Amino acid sequence: MQINMMRCGVVGLSGYTGKEVFKLLLGHPQVRVTYVAAQSSTGPVWQIWPEFLNRTTLVCQKFNVKEVIKRTDAVFLALPHTQSMKVAPALLKGGLKVIDLSADYRLKGIKIYETWYGHKHTDAKNVAKAVYGIPELYRQKIKKTKLVANPGCYPTAAILGLAPLVSTRSQSISSIIVDAKSGVSGAGRKASLSLLSSEMANNFKAYKVLSHQHAPEIEQCIHQLAGGRLGIHFVAHLLPIDRGILNTMYVQLKNPITLKQLHTLYSKFYKMEPFVRVHPLGSQPEVKNVAYTNFCDIGLAVAQDKKTVVITSAIDNLVKGAAGQAVQNMNLMCGFNETEGLI
C-alpha cells in the first residue's frame, strides 16, 4: 500500500515548527516522510529530537534541491522568513506541492513585504500564484493550488475570530482592536536573552507595539473579507508559557447587535468546520483546552450598549497556528480527508 502514499519532505526540521510538522506526518495514515533537512543540524533525526528515538530511521541532511524533487511529492518549508523564496521556485518547477510556513508568500504586496521584513523579495511571480492557507475561508482555492502560503499564528487566531462579523457586517464596523498573547515558542527556537526562562518567569509584556510584522497579514485578509479597508490595531504580548495563543478582539459597531444574534451568526458560519469550535453562551476559550490540537476555540460577548463586541479566540500556535494548519492544507491539496492525521 505504501506505493500509493504521499511522499513528504520537511525542510527546516531543527526548528519547533519543523519538528511539529514531522511529528504530525509520522502519524498520518496517507503519508510517508521520505526526506528531512535543516540548515544548522544534520544527522539522525532522533539525535536532533530525542523523542523520535526508535520511531524513525531518517537522517537529517543539508538541503539539496535535486534530492527533494527526486524523493518527495510534497514538501513543507519550515524555514526562517526570507529563505523560502530562495528554494520554492525550483521545487515548484520540479512538480512538487509546496506548503510554505514562512511569511515569504503571504503578503500580495511585494513592497509591503519588503517594508515589514526588511528584505528584497525575489519571487514575485509565485507570490501572485500562492493561496493564503486558511481552509475555513479559502478551501476551494487550496484544493487547486501547488503553493500554499501557510498563515502566521497570530493572524490565524485573529482572522478566524473576526471573519464571520467582518464578512457580514463590515459597513457597521467602526474599529477593531486585536489584543494578542502568545507563548514563547512563537518566537522560534533561538538563543535570546529576553526568552530565557529566568527572564520570562512571572513576567508578561507587550512587544513590537503597533509594529508587529503580522499586522499587514491580518489587515490584508480582513480587508479582503470586508470588501474594503477597516481600522485595525494589533498589539502582541508575550506570555510565560511554552505554547498557545489567546486573542481578544474588541470590535466597535455603528449598529447594535445582540449576543444571541452574534452567537447565531458565528455558529452558522462555522457549522461545518471540523476545527473551529464556537463556545456556548457564557463560556470562554482557554489556551489549555486547545494545546497540542488543531482546534480554534471562539468565545463571544456583547456590551450593554450592544455596539461593543468582544471576541476571544484560542489556538495552539505550533499546531493550528503553524504545523497543524499546514497538514490540513496538504490534505486539501492532495485530496485527502481534511482531518486526516489531525484528529
Protein backbone atom coordinates (compact mmCIF):
# COMPACT_ATOMS: atom_id res chain seq x y z
CA MET A 1 0.00 0.00 0.00
CA GLN A 2 2.88 2.40 0.65
CA ILE A 3 3.50 2.84 -3.07
CA ASN A 4 0.29 4.93 -3.21
CA MET A 5 1.16 7.03 -0.18
CA MET A 6 2.14 10.67 -0.49
CA ARG A 7 5.89 11.13 -0.13
CA CYS A 8 6.57 14.18 2.01
CA GLY A 9 9.62 16.17 2.96
CA VAL A 10 10.28 18.62 5.79
CA VAL A 11 12.87 21.33 5.27
CA GLY A 12 13.76 23.11 8.50
CA LEU A 13 13.48 20.13 10.84
CA SER A 14 15.58 21.66 13.62
CA GLY A 15 13.02 24.36 14.44
CA TYR A 16 9.90 23.99 16.59
CA THR A 17 7.58 24.22 13.59
CA GLY A 18 9.58 21.74 11.53
CA LYS A 19 9.56 19.30 14.40
CA GLU A 20 5.79 19.67 14.83
CA VAL A 21 5.18 19.08 11.12
CA PHE A 22 7.37 15.98 11.21
CA LYS A 23 5.57 14.65 14.27
CA LEU A 24 2.15 15.04 12.64
CA LEU A 25 3.30 13.47 9.38
CA LEU A 26 4.66 10.41 11.19
CA GLY A 27 1.13 9.70 12.39
CA HIS A 28 -0.57 10.47 9.08
CA PRO A 29 -2.06 7.31 7.50
CA GLN A 30 -1.70 8.61 3.93
CA VAL A 31 1.86 9.94 4.20
CA ARG A 32 5.38 8.58 4.21
CA VAL A 33 8.12 11.02 5.25
CA THR A 34 10.98 10.43 2.82
CA TYR A 35 13.20 13.50 3.23
CA VAL A 36 14.24 15.84 6.05
CA ALA A 37 16.75 18.67 6.00
CA ALA A 38 17.92 21.57 8.15
CA GLN A 39 20.31 24.48 7.82
CA SER A 40 22.20 24.01 11.05
CA SER A 41 21.61 20.43 12.20
CA THR A 42 22.42 17.17 10.43
CA GLY A 43 22.44 13.52 11.48
CA PRO A 44 19.83 11.01 12.65
CA VAL A 45 16.54 12.71 13.46
CA TRP A 46 16.48 11.20 16.96
CA GLN A 47 19.76 12.93 17.79
CA ILE A 48 18.23 16.30 16.93
CA TRP A 49 14.93 15.49 18.63
CA PRO A 50 15.41 12.55 21.07
CA GLU A 51 11.66 11.95 21.32
CA PHE A 52 11.84 10.27 17.92
CA LEU A 53 14.20 7.54 19.08
CA ASN A 54 13.05 4.19 17.58
CA ARG A 55 10.27 6.00 15.70
CA THR A 56 12.21 6.81 12.53
CA THR A 57 15.45 5.91 10.81
CA LEU A 58 15.54 9.10 8.75
CA VAL A 59 18.73 11.13 8.67
CA CYS A 60 18.55 14.92 8.50
CA GLN A 61 20.84 16.36 5.84
CA LYS A 62 21.81 19.66 4.28
CA PHE A 63 19.17 20.88 1.86
CA ASN A 64 19.61 19.68 -1.73
CA VAL A 65 17.05 20.70 -4.36
CA LYS A 66 17.62 17.71 -6.61
CA GLU A 67 17.23 15.27 -3.73
CA VAL A 68 13.98 16.85 -2.57
CA ILE A 69 12.49 16.72 -6.06
CA LYS A 70 13.65 13.13 -6.53
CA ARG A 71 12.37 11.82 -3.21
CA THR A 72 9.14 13.71 -2.47
CA ASP A 73 5.75 14.67 -3.89
CA ALA A 74 5.05 17.44 -1.37
CA VAL A 75 7.38 19.48 0.80
CA PHE A 76 6.90 21.63 3.89
CA LEU A 77 9.22 24.63 4.14
CA ALA A 78 9.66 25.41 7.83
CA LEU A 79 12.38 27.94 7.11
CA PRO A 80 13.11 31.41 8.51
CA HIS A 81 11.45 34.33 6.74
CA THR A 82 13.32 35.39 3.54
CA GLN A 83 14.69 31.87 2.98
CA SER A 84 11.75 30.07 1.35
CA MET A 85 11.71 32.35 -1.69
CA LYS A 86 15.22 31.11 -2.50
CA VAL A 87 14.17 27.46 -2.87
CA ALA A 88 10.43 27.39 -3.61
CA PRO A 89 10.70 28.31 -7.31
CA ALA A 90 12.91 25.29 -8.08
CA LEU A 91 10.67 22.96 -6.07
CA LEU A 92 7.57 24.16 -7.89
CA LYS A 93 9.31 23.85 -11.22
CA GLY A 94 10.18 20.27 -10.23
CA GLY A 95 6.47 19.49 -9.89
CA LEU A 96 6.20 19.41 -6.10
CA LYS A 97 3.35 20.67 -3.97
CA VAL A 98 4.82 23.28 -1.60
CA ILE A 99 3.46 24.36 1.78
CA ASP A 100 5.49 27.34 2.97
CA LEU A 101 5.31 28.11 6.68
CA SER A 102 7.31 31.34 6.45
CA ALA A 103 5.93 34.77 5.55
CA ASP A 104 7.52 34.84 2.10
CA TYR A 105 4.33 34.21 0.12
CA ARG A 106 1.64 35.56 2.46
CA LEU A 107 1.62 39.23 1.51
CA LYS A 108 0.43 40.03 -2.00
CA GLY A 109 2.05 43.45 -1.95
CA ILE A 110 5.77 42.97 -2.63
CA LYS A 111 6.63 46.44 -1.34
CA ILE A 112 4.64 45.77 1.84
CA TYR A 113 6.64 42.58 2.40
CA GLU A 114 9.93 44.38 1.83
CA THR A 115 8.96 47.16 4.24
CA TRP A 116 7.91 44.85 7.09
CA TYR A 117 10.56 42.15 6.65
CA GLY A 118 13.44 44.38 5.56
CA HIS A 119 14.43 42.16 2.65
CA LYS A 120 14.06 42.35 -1.11
CA HIS A 121 11.59 39.81 -2.47
CA THR A 122 12.93 37.76 -5.37
CA ASP A 123 9.91 35.68 -6.40
CA ALA A 124 7.00 37.98 -7.21
CA LYS A 125 5.76 35.52 -9.83
CA ASN A 126 4.91 32.86 -7.25
CA VAL A 127 3.57 35.35 -4.72
CA ALA A 128 0.81 36.04 -7.24
CA LYS A 129 0.08 32.31 -7.56
CA ALA A 130 0.22 31.40 -3.86
CA VAL A 131 -3.02 30.75 -1.98
CA TYR A 132 -3.34 32.00 1.59
CA GLY A 133 -3.88 28.85 3.62
CA ILE A 134 -6.84 29.33 5.93
CA PRO A 135 -9.01 26.33 4.93
CA GLU A 136 -12.13 27.70 6.57
CA LEU A 137 -12.06 30.64 4.14
CA TYR A 138 -10.17 29.51 1.05
CA ARG A 139 -10.78 25.75 0.88
CA GLN A 140 -11.63 25.52 -2.82
CA LYS A 141 -8.60 27.57 -3.90
CA ILE A 142 -6.30 25.50 -1.68
CA LYS A 143 -7.52 22.30 -3.35
CA LYS A 144 -6.36 23.59 -6.74
CA THR A 145 -3.02 25.22 -5.88
CA LYS A 146 0.56 23.94 -5.90
CA LEU A 147 1.75 26.60 -3.43
CA VAL A 148 0.16 27.40 -0.09
CA ALA A 149 1.27 30.35 2.00
CA ASN A 150 0.61 28.97 5.46
CA PRO A 151 -0.68 31.78 7.73
CA GLY A 152 1.07 33.14 10.77
CA CYS A 153 -0.08 32.14 14.24
CA TYR A 154 -1.43 35.49 15.42
CA PRO A 155 -3.26 36.09 12.11
CA THR A 156 -4.86 32.64 12.21
CA ALA A 157 -6.40 33.31 15.62
CA ALA A 158 -7.38 36.87 14.70
CA ILE A 159 -8.84 36.15 11.27
CA LEU A 160 -10.88 33.14 12.39
CA GLY A 161 -12.18 35.18 15.30
CA LEU A 162 -13.18 38.15 13.15
CA ALA A 163 -14.24 36.54 9.85
CA PRO A 164 -17.97 35.97 10.49
CA LEU A 165 -18.58 39.50 11.74
CA VAL A 166 -16.34 41.25 9.21
CA SER A 167 -17.70 39.38 6.20
CA THR A 168 -21.33 40.14 7.05
CA ARG A 169 -21.34 43.49 8.88
CA SER A 170 -18.32 45.39 7.57
CA GLN A 171 -20.36 48.56 6.95
CA SER A 172 -21.27 48.67 10.63
CA ILE A 173 -17.70 48.33 11.96
CA SER A 174 -16.03 51.50 13.26
CA SER A 175 -12.81 49.98 14.61
CA ILE A 176 -11.09 46.74 15.56
CA ILE A 177 -8.50 46.19 18.27
CA VAL A 178 -6.67 42.85 18.35
CA ASP A 179 -5.12 42.23 21.76
CA ALA A 180 -2.96 39.13 21.22
CA LYS A 181 -0.98 36.99 23.65
CA SER A 182 1.37 34.12 22.78
CA GLY A 183 3.59 31.57 24.46
CA VAL A 184 7.35 31.84 23.95
CA SER A 185 7.59 29.09 21.31
CA GLY A 186 6.04 31.58 18.91
CA ALA A 187 9.41 33.32 18.78
CA GLY A 188 11.07 30.20 17.38
CA ARG A 189 13.92 28.03 18.61
CA LYS A 190 16.73 30.51 19.07
CA ALA A 191 19.01 31.79 21.78
CA SER A 192 17.73 35.11 23.09
CA LEU A 193 18.23 36.80 26.44
CA SER A 194 14.62 38.02 26.58
CA LEU A 195 13.32 34.45 26.10
CA LEU A 196 15.32 32.82 28.89
CA SER A 197 13.12 31.12 31.47
CA SER A 198 14.54 33.34 34.24
CA GLU A 199 13.56 36.42 32.23
CA MET A 200 10.09 35.13 31.32
CA ALA A 201 9.11 33.67 34.71
CA ASN A 202 6.45 35.73 36.49
CA ASN A 203 6.54 38.24 33.66
CA PHE A 204 4.14 39.48 31.00
CA LYS A 205 4.86 42.15 28.41
CA ALA A 206 3.80 43.77 25.17
CA TYR A 207 6.27 43.85 22.31
CA LYS A 208 6.52 45.39 18.83
CA VAL A 209 3.53 47.53 19.80
CA LEU A 210 1.69 48.63 16.64
CA SER A 211 4.73 47.49 14.62
CA HIS A 212 4.47 43.69 14.57
CA GLN A 213 5.09 42.04 11.18
CA HIS A 214 1.83 40.09 11.41
CA ALA A 215 -0.23 43.30 11.30
CA PRO A 216 -0.26 43.66 7.49
CA GLU A 217 -1.13 39.98 7.13
CA ILE A 218 -4.19 40.41 9.34
CA GLU A 219 -5.17 43.61 7.53
CA GLN A 220 -4.81 42.02 4.09
CA CYS A 221 -7.24 39.20 4.85
CA ILE A 222 -9.70 41.26 6.88
CA HIS A 223 -9.87 43.96 4.20
CA GLN A 224 -10.50 41.27 1.59
CA LEU A 225 -13.32 39.77 3.64
CA ALA A 226 -14.80 43.21 4.33
CA GLY A 227 -14.57 44.36 0.72
CA GLY A 228 -12.74 47.49 1.83
CA ARG A 229 -10.43 48.96 4.43
CA LEU A 230 -11.19 48.86 8.16
CA GLY A 231 -9.35 50.41 11.06
CA ILE A 232 -7.40 47.58 12.73
CA HIS A 233 -4.91 47.97 15.58
CA PHE A 234 -2.81 44.93 16.57
CA VAL A 235 -0.75 44.57 19.74
CA ALA A 236 1.18 41.40 20.64
CA HIS A 237 2.11 40.23 24.13
CA LEU A 238 4.42 37.51 25.40
CA LEU A 239 3.08 35.04 27.98
CA PRO A 240 5.30 32.99 30.34
CA ILE A 241 4.01 29.70 28.88
CA ASP A 242 5.53 27.35 26.30
CA ARG A 243 2.75 27.35 23.71
CA GLY A 244 -0.67 28.72 22.95
CA ILE A 245 -2.30 31.96 21.79
CA LEU A 246 -5.26 33.84 23.18
CA ASN A 247 -6.53 36.76 21.11
CA THR A 248 -9.11 39.20 22.44
CA MET A 249 -10.72 41.29 19.71
CA TYR A 250 -12.67 44.46 20.52
CA VAL A 251 -14.99 45.50 17.68
CA GLN A 252 -16.86 48.79 17.83
CA LEU A 253 -20.10 48.80 15.80
CA LYS A 254 -22.24 51.61 14.46
CA ASN A 255 -25.39 49.49 14.62
CA PRO A 256 -26.41 47.32 17.60
CA ILE A 257 -26.28 43.53 17.72
CA THR A 258 -27.49 41.21 20.47
CA LEU A 259 -25.39 38.42 21.90
CA LYS A 260 -27.90 35.87 20.62
CA GLN A 261 -27.68 37.30 17.09
CA LEU A 262 -23.89 37.27 17.26
CA HIS A 263 -23.75 33.70 18.52
CA THR A 264 -26.17 32.54 15.81
CA LEU A 265 -24.04 34.25 13.17
CA TYR A 266 -20.85 32.51 14.35
CA SER A 267 -22.49 29.14 14.87
CA LYS A 268 -23.89 29.13 11.33
CA PHE A 269 -20.65 30.42 9.79
CA TYR A 270 -18.57 27.62 11.33
CA LYS A 271 -21.25 24.90 11.47
CA MET A 272 -19.45 22.59 9.03
CA GLU A 273 -15.89 23.39 10.13
CA PRO A 274 -14.18 20.47 11.90
CA PHE A 275 -11.53 22.59 13.61
CA VAL A 276 -13.45 25.67 14.77
CA ARG A 277 -15.46 25.39 17.98
CA VAL A 278 -17.79 28.23 18.90
CA HIS A 279 -18.34 28.15 22.65
CA PRO A 280 -21.83 28.15 24.16
CA LEU A 281 -23.09 31.44 25.56
CA GLY A 282 -21.42 32.23 28.87
CA SER A 283 -18.36 30.09 28.12
CA GLN A 284 -14.93 31.36 27.07
CA PRO A 285 -11.98 29.53 25.45
CA GLU A 286 -8.81 28.70 27.34
CA VAL A 287 -5.34 28.01 26.00
CA LYS A 288 -5.03 24.71 27.85
CA ASN A 289 -8.06 23.31 26.02
CA VAL A 290 -6.54 23.79 22.56
CA ALA A 291 -2.93 22.91 23.40
CA TYR A 292 -1.48 20.19 21.13
CA THR A 293 -4.62 20.29 18.92
CA ASN A 294 -5.61 21.83 15.60
CA PHE A 295 -8.71 23.48 17.08
CA CYS A 296 -9.54 27.15 17.21
CA ASP A 297 -11.95 27.90 20.06
CA ILE A 298 -14.04 31.09 19.91
CA GLY A 299 -15.93 32.90 22.66
CA LEU A 300 -18.33 35.84 22.32
CA ALA A 301 -19.62 38.71 24.43
CA VAL A 302 -21.56 41.93 23.78
CA ALA A 303 -21.55 45.05 25.98
CA GLN A 304 -24.76 46.57 27.32
CA ASP A 305 -24.77 49.21 24.59
CA LYS A 306 -24.92 46.33 22.05
CA LYS A 307 -22.33 48.17 19.95
CA THR A 308 -19.17 46.83 21.57
CA VAL A 309 -18.40 43.21 20.67
CA VAL A 310 -15.66 41.17 22.36
CA ILE A 311 -14.43 38.06 20.56
CA THR A 312 -11.89 35.70 22.06
CA SER A 313 -10.05 33.04 20.07
CA ALA A 314 -7.58 30.44 21.32
CA ILE A 315 -5.23 28.22 19.33
CA ASP A 316 -2.01 26.28 19.77
CA ASN A 317 0.50 28.49 17.95
CA LEU A 318 2.54 25.47 16.81
CA VAL A 319 -0.43 23.41 15.58
CA LYS A 320 -3.41 25.40 14.24
CA GLY A 321 -1.07 28.39 14.11
CA ALA A 322 1.54 26.55 12.04
CA ALA A 323 2.15 22.80 11.57
CA GLY A 324 -1.40 21.51 12.03
CA GLN A 325 -2.84 24.02 9.62
CA ALA A 326 -0.05 23.16 7.17
CA VAL A 327 -1.03 19.47 7.29
CA GLN A 328 -4.68 20.47 6.95
CA ASN A 329 -3.73 22.39 3.81
CA MET A 330 -1.74 19.44 2.46
CA ASN A 331 -4.76 17.20 2.97
CA LEU A 332 -6.82 19.53 0.81
CA MET A 333 -4.13 19.83 -1.85
CA CYS A 334 -3.77 16.04 -2.07
CA GLY A 335 -7.45 15.13 -1.96
CA PHE A 336 -7.29 13.50 1.49
CA ASN A 337 -9.90 13.84 4.21
CA GLU A 338 -9.25 17.27 5.69
CA THR A 339 -8.95 15.95 9.24
CA GLU A 340 -6.56 13.11 8.32
CA GLY A 341 -3.65 12.91 10.74
CA LEU A 342 -5.07 15.71 12.90
CA ILE A 343 -7.87 14.09 14.92
